[in-house]
Amino acid sequence: MSEINYSNLLRQIVTDYLEHRMSRVEYVAQRRGLLDQIDREFNGEDHSSGWPTSDTVDQPADGDPSPDITLVPK
């Protein structure tokens, strides 16, 4: 798959999440799956069990488990 197709897929996942067409859990799962697929294609490695999870990442002090995400318009 080309980089453009991956970009379009990621944009669609983000758009669906921001427009409340999918839950946060589904968004994170789809995003992680797509990023794993990109990693396998371009790096030839499978990090599906090696990426940090919410259990291994330090949580914000306010207790909010969601990461701070800043979206920049194009």
C-alpha atoms as a PDB file:
ATOM      1  CA  MET A   1       0.000   0.000   0.000  1.00  0.00           C
ATOM      2  CA  SER A   2       1.339   3.458  -0.743  1.00  0.00           C
ATOM      3  CA  GLU A   3       2.077   6.151   1.800  1.00  0.00           C
ATOM      4  CA  ILE A   4      -0.824   8.196   0.412  1.00  0.00           C
ATOM      5  CA  ASN A   5      -3.298   5.389   1.093  1.00  0.00           C
ATOM      6  CA  TYR A   6      -2.012   4.993   4.660  1.00  0.00           C
ATOM      7  CA  SER A   7      -2.334   8.729   5.141  1.00  0.00           C
ATOM      8  CA  ASN A   8      -5.905   8.679   3.858  1.00  0.00           C
ATOM      9  CA  LEU A   9      -6.805   5.729   6.087  1.00  0.00           C
ATOM     10  CA  LEU A  10      -5.365   7.448   9.151  1.00  0.00           C
ATOM     11  CA  ARG A  11      -7.155  10.688   8.314  1.00  0.00           C
ATOM     12  CA  GLN A  12     -10.440   8.781   7.968  1.00  0.00           C
ATOM     13  CA  ILE A  13      -9.975   7.059  11.316  1.00  0.00           C
ATOM     14  CA  VAL A  14      -9.282  10.414  13.010  1.00  0.00           C
ATOM     15  CA  THR A  15     -12.237  12.070  11.259  1.00  0.00           C
ATOM     16  CA  ASP A  16     -14.597   9.260  12.257  1.00  0.00           C
ATOM     17  CA  TYR A  17     -13.464   9.573  15.869  1.00  0.00           C
ATOM     18  CA  LEU A  18     -13.700  13.370  15.973  1.00  0.00           C
ATOM     19  CA  GLU A  19     -17.171  13.266  14.419  1.00  0.00           C
ATOM     20  CA  HIS A  20     -18.282  10.683  17.021  1.00  0.00           C
ATOM     21  CA  ARG A  21     -18.784   7.870  14.491  1.00  0.00           C
ATOM     22  CA  MET A  22     -16.603   5.547  16.580  1.00  0.00           C
ATOM     23  CA  SER A  23     -15.763   5.146  20.234  1.00  0.00           C
ATOM     24  CA  ARG A  24     -12.373   5.984  21.721  1.00  0.00           C
ATOM     25  CA  VAL A  25     -11.683   2.274  22.248  1.00  0.00           C
ATOM     26  CA  GLU A  26     -12.432   1.497  18.593  1.00  0.00           C
ATOM     27  CA  TYR A  27     -10.379   4.521  17.461  1.00  0.00           C
ATOM     28  CA  VAL A  28      -7.329   3.448  19.465  1.00  0.00           C
ATOM     29  CA  ALA A  29      -7.640  -0.151  18.241  1.00  0.00           C
ATOM     30  CA  GLN A  30      -7.950   0.859  14.589  1.00  0.00           C
ATOM     31  CA  ARG A  31      -5.134   3.392  14.854  1.00  0.00           C
ATOM     32  CA  ARG A  32      -2.833   0.875  16.545  1.00  0.00           C
ATOM     33  CA  GLY A  33      -3.660  -1.759  13.904  1.00  0.00           C
ATOM     34  CA  LEU A  34      -2.926   0.661  11.071  1.00  0.00           C
ATOM     35  CA  LEU A  35       0.334   1.832  12.638  1.00  0.00           C
ATOM     36  CA  ASP A  36       1.401  -1.793  13.183  1.00  0.00           C
ATOM     37  CA  GLN A  37       0.638  -2.525   9.525  1.00  0.00           C
ATOM     38  CA  ILE A  38       2.697   0.493   8.425  1.00  0.00           C
ATOM     39  CA  ASP A  39       5.560  -0.612  10.679  1.00  0.00           C
ATOM     40  CA  ARG A  40       5.537  -4.143   9.259  1.00  0.00           C
ATOM     41  CA  GLU A  41       5.477  -2.903   5.664  1.00  0.00           C
ATOM     42  CA  PHE A  42       8.211  -0.296   5.973  1.00  0.00           C
ATOM     43  CA  ASN A  43      10.385  -1.786   8.717  1.00  0.00           C
ATOM     44  CA  GLY A  44       9.716  -5.482   8.312  1.00  0.00           C
ATOM     45  CA  GLU A  45       9.174  -5.895  12.043  1.00  0.00           C
ATOM     46  CA  ASP A  46       6.190  -6.649  14.188  1.00  0.00           C
ATOM     47  CA  HIS A  47       6.089  -4.479  17.321  1.00  0.00           C
ATOM     48  CA  SER A  48       2.506  -5.382  18.179  1.00  0.00           C
ATOM     49  CA  SER A  49       3.601  -6.581  21.621  1.00  0.00           C
ATOM     50  CA  GLY A  50       6.456  -4.113  21.991  1.00  0.00           C
ATOM     51  CA  TRP A  51       4.706  -0.735  21.852  1.00  0.00           C
ATOM     52  CA  PRO A  52       3.857   0.920  25.142  1.00  0.00           C
ATOM     53  CA  THR A  53       0.325   0.411  26.397  1.00  0.00           C
ATOM     54  CA  SER A  54      -1.743   2.416  28.821  1.00  0.00           C
ATOM     55  CA  ASP A  55      -0.380   0.108  31.532  1.00  0.00           C
ATOM     56  CA  THR A  56       3.233   1.013  30.763  1.00  0.00           C
ATOM     57  CA  VAL A  57       2.877   4.713  29.934  1.00  0.00           C
ATOM     58  CA  ASP A  58       2.953   7.302  32.700  1.00  0.00           C
ATOM     59  CA  GLN A  59      -0.503   8.777  33.139  1.00  0.00           C
ATOM     60  CA  PRO A  60      -1.072  12.540  33.478  1.00  0.00           C
ATOM     61  CA  ALA A  61      -1.175  13.905  37.018  1.00  0.00           C
ATOM     62  CA  ASP A  62      -4.852  14.831  36.697  1.00  0.00           C
ATOM     63  CA  GLY A  63      -5.771  11.149  36.315  1.00  0.00           C
ATOM     64  CA  ASP A  64      -7.128  11.561  32.765  1.00  0.00           C
ATOM     65  CA  PRO A  65      -6.017   8.396  30.925  1.00  0.00           C
ATOM     66  CA  SER A  66      -6.387   9.950  27.471  1.00  0.00           C
ATOM     67  CA  PRO A  67      -3.226  11.395  25.918  1.00  0.00           C
ATOM     68  CA  ASP A  68      -2.977  15.058  25.077  1.00  0.00           C
ATOM     69  CA  ILE A  69      -3.566  15.283  21.328  1.00  0.00           C
ATOM     70  CA  THR A  70      -3.171  18.442  19.324  1.00  0.00           C
ATOM     71  CA  LEU A  71      -4.566  18.341  15.810  1.00  0.00           C
ATOM     72  CA  VAL A  72      -3.107  20.857  13.398  1.00  0.00           C
ATOM     73  CA  PRO A  73      -5.236  21.814  10.388  1.00  0.00           C
ATOM     74  CA  LYS A  74      -3.563  21.547   7.006  1.00  0.00           C
END
